[in-house]
Amino acid sequence: MPVVRAADAQVREIHNARFTALIRPGTGSAELCVWQTEVAPRSTGVPHRILGEEAFVLLSGEVELTVDGESATLRPGDAAVAPAGSTIALANVAEVAAVLLVTVRVGFAAELPDGSTFAPPWAS
């Protein structure tokens, strides 16, 4: 049984967030990816179009998730799903970091505002 120890998880920082890869092909998964995202206080992420469905569960803090122009505030325990092809952005207006658990299918990618495609290493 593959087990990912927190101390061994790969961590990457991009834009306003820190991504901790938990479950992905590199750790033994064939179909699913799960990571933890820590969104910096008082920050807004780069809007991007996701090329696969993405699910979010807020563990701590508070974030504003915008999906195709519709925004909702998530509080601890809240969950949301963004459909494939939607444009999303995460903002943290609080004074403390917000932590989310995120899941997608293996092979997930996103299109950035400049038209380039980004395949996050924590989802491959």
N, C-alpha and C. Protein backbone atom coordinates (compact mmCIF):
# COMPACT_ATOMS: atom_id res chain seq x y z
N MET A 1 0.85 -1.18 0.00
CA MET A 1 0.00 0.00 0.00
C MET A 1 0.89 1.24 0.00
N PRO A 2 0.78 2.07 -1.05
CA PRO A 2 1.56 3.30 -1.07
C PRO A 2 1.08 4.29 0.00
N VAL A 3 2.01 4.78 0.79
CA VAL A 3 1.72 5.79 1.81
C VAL A 3 2.65 6.97 1.56
N VAL A 4 2.10 8.15 1.55
CA VAL A 4 2.91 9.36 1.38
C VAL A 4 3.01 10.04 2.73
N ARG A 5 4.20 10.11 3.25
CA ARG A 5 4.43 10.78 4.52
C ARG A 5 4.54 12.29 4.26
N ALA A 6 3.93 13.07 5.11
CA ALA A 6 3.94 14.52 4.95
C ALA A 6 5.36 15.06 4.77
N ALA A 7 6.29 14.51 5.50
CA ALA A 7 7.68 14.99 5.42
C ALA A 7 8.32 14.68 4.07
N ASP A 8 7.76 13.71 3.33
CA ASP A 8 8.33 13.31 2.04
C ASP A 8 7.61 13.90 0.84
N ALA A 9 6.50 14.58 1.06
CA ALA A 9 5.70 15.13 -0.05
C ALA A 9 6.46 16.25 -0.76
N GLN A 10 6.34 16.28 -2.08
CA GLN A 10 6.95 17.35 -2.86
C GLN A 10 6.15 18.63 -2.70
N VAL A 11 6.86 19.74 -2.50
CA VAL A 11 6.21 21.04 -2.31
C VAL A 11 6.73 22.00 -3.38
N ARG A 12 5.79 22.73 -3.99
CA ARG A 12 6.15 23.74 -4.99
C ARG A 12 5.36 25.01 -4.70
N GLU A 13 5.98 26.14 -5.00
CA GLU A 13 5.30 27.42 -4.81
C GLU A 13 5.15 28.11 -6.16
N ILE A 14 3.92 28.51 -6.46
CA ILE A 14 3.62 29.20 -7.70
C ILE A 14 2.59 30.28 -7.40
N HIS A 15 2.84 31.46 -7.94
CA HIS A 15 1.96 32.61 -7.75
C HIS A 15 1.72 32.86 -6.25
N ASN A 16 0.49 32.75 -5.81
CA ASN A 16 0.16 33.08 -4.42
C ASN A 16 -0.04 31.84 -3.56
N ALA A 17 0.45 30.68 -4.00
CA ALA A 17 0.13 29.45 -3.28
C ALA A 17 1.29 28.47 -3.19
N ARG A 18 1.19 27.61 -2.19
CA ARG A 18 2.12 26.49 -2.00
C ARG A 18 1.33 25.21 -2.22
N PHE A 19 1.85 24.34 -3.08
CA PHE A 19 1.19 23.09 -3.44
C PHE A 19 1.98 21.92 -2.89
N THR A 20 1.34 21.08 -2.10
CA THR A 20 1.97 19.90 -1.54
C THR A 20 1.35 18.67 -2.18
N ALA A 21 2.13 17.99 -3.02
CA ALA A 21 1.65 16.81 -3.76
C ALA A 21 1.51 15.64 -2.80
N LEU A 22 0.32 15.07 -2.74
CA LEU A 22 0.07 13.93 -1.85
C LEU A 22 -0.11 12.65 -2.64
N ILE A 23 -1.15 12.59 -3.47
CA ILE A 23 -1.45 11.41 -4.26
C ILE A 23 -1.32 11.78 -5.74
N ARG A 24 -0.53 11.01 -6.48
CA ARG A 24 -0.32 11.22 -7.91
C ARG A 24 0.39 9.98 -8.45
N PRO A 25 0.55 9.88 -9.77
CA PRO A 25 1.22 8.69 -10.30
C PRO A 25 2.60 8.44 -9.68
N GLY A 26 3.32 9.50 -9.39
CA GLY A 26 4.64 9.33 -8.79
C GLY A 26 4.62 8.75 -7.38
N THR A 27 3.43 8.72 -6.77
CA THR A 27 3.31 8.14 -5.42
C THR A 27 2.43 6.90 -5.41
N GLY A 28 2.07 6.40 -6.61
CA GLY A 28 1.36 5.14 -6.68
C GLY A 28 -0.06 5.17 -7.21
N SER A 29 -0.60 6.34 -7.56
CA SER A 29 -1.97 6.42 -8.06
C SER A 29 -2.00 6.24 -9.57
N ALA A 30 -3.04 5.58 -10.05
CA ALA A 30 -3.21 5.39 -11.49
C ALA A 30 -4.22 6.39 -12.08
N GLU A 31 -5.17 6.87 -11.27
CA GLU A 31 -6.25 7.70 -11.81
C GLU A 31 -6.46 9.03 -11.12
N LEU A 32 -6.08 9.15 -9.85
CA LEU A 32 -6.41 10.34 -9.08
C LEU A 32 -5.18 11.10 -8.60
N CYS A 33 -5.37 12.40 -8.45
CA CYS A 33 -4.35 13.26 -7.85
C CYS A 33 -5.00 14.03 -6.71
N VAL A 34 -4.31 14.12 -5.60
CA VAL A 34 -4.78 14.90 -4.45
C VAL A 34 -3.60 15.72 -3.96
N TRP A 35 -3.86 16.99 -3.72
CA TRP A 35 -2.82 17.84 -3.15
C TRP A 35 -3.42 18.81 -2.16
N GLN A 36 -2.56 19.39 -1.37
CA GLN A 36 -2.96 20.44 -0.44
C GLN A 36 -2.46 21.75 -1.01
N THR A 37 -3.32 22.74 -1.01
CA THR A 37 -2.95 24.07 -1.47
C THR A 37 -3.06 25.04 -0.30
N GLU A 38 -2.00 25.77 -0.06
CA GLU A 38 -2.01 26.82 0.95
C GLU A 38 -1.97 28.15 0.22
N VAL A 39 -3.04 28.93 0.36
CA VAL A 39 -3.16 30.21 -0.33
C VAL A 39 -2.70 31.31 0.62
N ALA A 40 -1.75 32.10 0.16
CA ALA A 40 -1.18 33.16 0.99
C ALA A 40 -2.24 34.18 1.40
N PRO A 41 -2.08 34.77 2.60
CA PRO A 41 -3.01 35.81 3.04
C PRO A 41 -3.02 37.00 2.09
N ARG A 42 -4.17 37.63 1.98
CA ARG A 42 -4.32 38.85 1.18
C ARG A 42 -3.75 38.70 -0.22
N SER A 43 -4.15 37.64 -0.91
CA SER A 43 -3.63 37.41 -2.26
C SER A 43 -4.74 36.92 -3.18
N THR A 44 -4.51 37.14 -4.47
CA THR A 44 -5.43 36.69 -5.49
C THR A 44 -4.66 35.87 -6.51
N GLY A 45 -5.18 34.69 -6.83
CA GLY A 45 -4.52 33.83 -7.81
C GLY A 45 -4.80 34.27 -9.23
N VAL A 46 -4.02 33.72 -10.14
CA VAL A 46 -4.18 34.01 -11.56
C VAL A 46 -5.37 33.23 -12.11
N PRO A 47 -6.33 33.91 -12.72
CA PRO A 47 -7.44 33.19 -13.33
C PRO A 47 -6.90 32.28 -14.44
N HIS A 48 -7.45 31.08 -14.52
CA HIS A 48 -7.01 30.13 -15.56
C HIS A 48 -8.16 29.18 -15.90
N ARG A 49 -8.13 28.68 -17.13
CA ARG A 49 -9.16 27.75 -17.59
C ARG A 49 -8.68 26.33 -17.32
N ILE A 50 -9.49 25.56 -16.62
CA ILE A 50 -9.10 24.19 -16.29
C ILE A 50 -9.62 23.25 -17.38
N LEU A 51 -8.78 22.29 -17.74
CA LEU A 51 -9.11 21.38 -18.82
C LEU A 51 -9.67 20.05 -18.31
N GLY A 52 -9.92 19.99 -17.02
CA GLY A 52 -10.54 18.83 -16.40
C GLY A 52 -11.26 19.29 -15.14
N GLU A 53 -12.17 18.48 -14.66
CA GLU A 53 -12.92 18.80 -13.44
C GLU A 53 -11.97 18.90 -12.25
N GLU A 54 -12.26 19.82 -11.33
CA GLU A 54 -11.41 20.03 -10.15
C GLU A 54 -12.32 20.22 -8.93
N ALA A 55 -12.01 19.49 -7.85
CA ALA A 55 -12.81 19.57 -6.63
C ALA A 55 -11.98 20.14 -5.49
N PHE A 56 -12.62 20.96 -4.65
CA PHE A 56 -11.95 21.66 -3.56
C PHE A 56 -12.68 21.40 -2.24
N VAL A 57 -11.92 21.21 -1.17
CA VAL A 57 -12.47 21.16 0.18
C VAL A 57 -11.63 22.10 1.02
N LEU A 58 -12.26 23.10 1.64
CA LEU A 58 -11.51 24.03 2.46
C LEU A 58 -11.31 23.43 3.85
N LEU A 59 -10.04 23.33 4.25
CA LEU A 59 -9.69 22.77 5.55
C LEU A 59 -9.58 23.84 6.63
N SER A 60 -9.01 24.99 6.26
CA SER A 60 -8.88 26.08 7.23
C SER A 60 -8.80 27.41 6.51
N GLY A 61 -9.12 28.47 7.22
CA GLY A 61 -9.10 29.81 6.63
C GLY A 61 -10.39 30.08 5.89
N GLU A 62 -10.30 30.97 4.91
CA GLU A 62 -11.46 31.36 4.11
C GLU A 62 -10.95 31.79 2.74
N VAL A 63 -11.59 31.34 1.68
CA VAL A 63 -11.21 31.75 0.33
C VAL A 63 -12.45 32.13 -0.45
N GLU A 64 -12.20 32.91 -1.49
CA GLU A 64 -13.25 33.20 -2.45
C GLU A 64 -12.88 32.45 -3.73
N LEU A 65 -13.74 31.53 -4.13
CA LEU A 65 -13.53 30.77 -5.35
C LEU A 65 -14.44 31.36 -6.43
N THR A 66 -13.84 31.70 -7.55
CA THR A 66 -14.60 32.22 -8.68
C THR A 66 -14.54 31.21 -9.81
N VAL A 67 -15.71 30.80 -10.28
CA VAL A 67 -15.83 29.85 -11.39
C VAL A 67 -16.69 30.51 -12.45
N ASP A 68 -16.10 30.75 -13.61
CA ASP A 68 -16.81 31.40 -14.73
C ASP A 68 -17.54 32.66 -14.30
N GLY A 69 -16.86 33.50 -13.50
CA GLY A 69 -17.41 34.78 -13.10
C GLY A 69 -18.33 34.76 -11.91
N GLU A 70 -18.69 33.58 -11.41
CA GLU A 70 -19.55 33.47 -10.23
C GLU A 70 -18.68 33.14 -9.02
N SER A 71 -18.76 33.99 -7.99
CA SER A 71 -17.90 33.83 -6.81
C SER A 71 -18.68 33.33 -5.61
N ALA A 72 -17.98 32.53 -4.80
CA ALA A 72 -18.56 32.03 -3.55
C ALA A 72 -17.46 32.00 -2.49
N THR A 73 -17.83 32.35 -1.28
CA THR A 73 -16.89 32.27 -0.16
C THR A 73 -16.95 30.87 0.43
N LEU A 74 -15.81 30.24 0.57
CA LEU A 74 -15.73 28.93 1.20
C LEU A 74 -15.16 29.09 2.60
N ARG A 75 -15.78 28.38 3.54
CA ARG A 75 -15.33 28.35 4.93
C ARG A 75 -14.98 26.90 5.28
N PRO A 76 -14.25 26.67 6.36
CA PRO A 76 -13.82 25.31 6.69
C PRO A 76 -14.96 24.28 6.61
N GLY A 77 -14.67 23.21 5.89
CA GLY A 77 -15.66 22.15 5.69
C GLY A 77 -16.46 22.29 4.41
N ASP A 78 -16.46 23.48 3.80
CA ASP A 78 -17.18 23.69 2.55
C ASP A 78 -16.42 23.02 1.40
N ALA A 79 -17.18 22.58 0.40
CA ALA A 79 -16.60 21.95 -0.78
C ALA A 79 -17.21 22.56 -2.03
N ALA A 80 -16.46 22.51 -3.12
CA ALA A 80 -16.95 23.03 -4.39
C ALA A 80 -16.31 22.22 -5.51
N VAL A 81 -16.98 22.21 -6.65
CA VAL A 81 -16.43 21.55 -7.83
C VAL A 81 -16.51 22.52 -9.00
N ALA A 82 -15.43 22.57 -9.78
CA ALA A 82 -15.39 23.40 -10.97
C ALA A 82 -15.39 22.47 -12.18
N PRO A 83 -16.31 22.67 -13.11
CA PRO A 83 -16.39 21.77 -14.27
C PRO A 83 -15.25 22.01 -15.26
N ALA A 84 -14.93 20.95 -15.99
CA ALA A 84 -13.92 21.06 -17.04
C ALA A 84 -14.29 22.18 -18.00
N GLY A 85 -13.30 22.96 -18.41
CA GLY A 85 -13.52 24.06 -19.34
C GLY A 85 -13.85 25.38 -18.69
N SER A 86 -14.06 25.38 -17.37
CA SER A 86 -14.39 26.63 -16.69
C SER A 86 -13.13 27.43 -16.36
N THR A 87 -13.32 28.71 -16.16
CA THR A 87 -12.21 29.58 -15.74
C THR A 87 -12.37 29.81 -14.25
N ILE A 88 -11.28 29.56 -13.52
CA ILE A 88 -11.33 29.66 -12.06
C ILE A 88 -10.24 30.57 -11.53
N ALA A 89 -10.46 31.05 -10.30
CA ALA A 89 -9.45 31.82 -9.56
C ALA A 89 -9.76 31.68 -8.07
N LEU A 90 -8.71 31.66 -7.27
CA LEU A 90 -8.84 31.61 -5.81
C LEU A 90 -8.27 32.88 -5.22
N ALA A 91 -8.99 33.47 -4.29
CA ALA A 91 -8.52 34.66 -3.59
C ALA A 91 -8.65 34.43 -2.09
N ASN A 92 -7.70 34.94 -1.36
CA ASN A 92 -7.73 34.88 0.10
C ASN A 92 -7.68 36.32 0.60
N VAL A 93 -8.79 36.81 1.13
CA VAL A 93 -8.84 38.19 1.61
C VAL A 93 -8.53 38.28 3.10
N ALA A 94 -8.31 37.16 3.74
CA ALA A 94 -8.06 37.13 5.19
C ALA A 94 -6.60 37.42 5.50
N GLU A 95 -6.33 37.59 6.78
CA GLU A 95 -4.98 37.88 7.27
C GLU A 95 -4.15 36.62 7.52
N VAL A 96 -4.78 35.45 7.36
CA VAL A 96 -4.08 34.18 7.59
C VAL A 96 -4.19 33.32 6.34
N ALA A 97 -3.27 32.39 6.19
CA ALA A 97 -3.30 31.48 5.05
C ALA A 97 -4.57 30.62 5.09
N ALA A 98 -5.01 30.21 3.93
CA ALA A 98 -6.13 29.28 3.80
C ALA A 98 -5.56 27.97 3.25
N VAL A 99 -6.12 26.85 3.71
CA VAL A 99 -5.62 25.55 3.28
C VAL A 99 -6.78 24.74 2.68
N LEU A 100 -6.55 24.23 1.47
CA LEU A 100 -7.55 23.43 0.77
C LEU A 100 -6.98 22.07 0.41
N LEU A 101 -7.85 21.09 0.31
CA LEU A 101 -7.52 19.80 -0.26
C LEU A 101 -8.16 19.81 -1.64
N VAL A 102 -7.38 19.46 -2.67
CA VAL A 102 -7.84 19.54 -4.05
C VAL A 102 -7.63 18.18 -4.73
N THR A 103 -8.57 17.82 -5.58
CA THR A 103 -8.43 16.56 -6.31
C THR A 103 -8.85 16.72 -7.77
N VAL A 104 -8.12 16.01 -8.63
CA VAL A 104 -8.38 15.98 -10.08
C VAL A 104 -8.03 14.58 -10.59
N ARG A 105 -8.29 14.34 -11.85
CA ARG A 105 -7.84 13.11 -12.49
C ARG A 105 -6.40 13.28 -12.97
N VAL A 106 -5.70 12.17 -13.06
CA VAL A 106 -4.34 12.18 -13.62
C VAL A 106 -4.39 12.80 -15.02
N GLY A 107 -3.39 13.58 -15.36
CA GLY A 107 -3.32 14.23 -16.66
C GLY A 107 -3.95 15.60 -16.71
N PHE A 108 -4.38 16.09 -15.56
CA PHE A 108 -5.02 17.40 -15.46
C PHE A 108 -4.08 18.49 -16.01
N ALA A 109 -4.68 19.48 -16.65
CA ALA A 109 -3.92 20.63 -17.17
C ALA A 109 -4.80 21.86 -17.13
N ALA A 110 -4.16 23.01 -17.28
CA ALA A 110 -4.88 24.29 -17.29
C ALA A 110 -4.31 25.17 -18.38
N GLU A 111 -5.14 26.10 -18.85
CA GLU A 111 -4.71 27.08 -19.83
C GLU A 111 -4.57 28.42 -19.13
N LEU A 112 -3.39 29.01 -19.24
CA LEU A 112 -3.10 30.29 -18.59
C LEU A 112 -3.60 31.45 -19.46
N PRO A 113 -3.67 32.66 -18.88
CA PRO A 113 -4.19 33.81 -19.64
C PRO A 113 -3.45 34.08 -20.95
N ASP A 114 -2.16 33.72 -21.03
CA ASP A 114 -1.42 33.96 -22.27
C ASP A 114 -1.64 32.87 -23.32
N GLY A 115 -2.51 31.89 -23.01
CA GLY A 115 -2.82 30.82 -23.95
C GLY A 115 -1.94 29.59 -23.81
N SER A 116 -0.92 29.68 -22.97
CA SER A 116 -0.06 28.52 -22.77
C SER A 116 -0.75 27.49 -21.88
N THR A 117 -0.36 26.23 -22.01
CA THR A 117 -0.93 25.16 -21.22
C THR A 117 0.05 24.80 -20.11
N PHE A 118 -0.50 24.61 -18.92
CA PHE A 118 0.31 24.26 -17.74
C PHE A 118 -0.19 22.93 -17.20
N ALA A 119 0.69 21.95 -17.15
CA ALA A 119 0.38 20.65 -16.53
C ALA A 119 1.10 20.62 -15.19
N PRO A 120 0.37 20.83 -14.09
CA PRO A 120 1.03 20.93 -12.80
C PRO A 120 1.77 19.63 -12.44
N PRO A 121 3.01 19.74 -11.99
CA PRO A 121 3.79 18.56 -11.64
C PRO A 121 3.17 17.78 -10.48
N TRP A 122 2.34 18.42 -9.66
CA TRP A 122 1.70 17.71 -8.57
C TRP A 122 0.48 16.94 -9.03
N ALA A 123 0.18 16.98 -10.35
CA ALA A 123 -0.94 16.23 -10.91
C ALA A 123 -0.46 15.27 -11.99
N SER A 124 0.79 14.89 -11.92
CA SER A 124 1.32 13.96 -12.92
C SER A 124 2.29 12.98 -12.27
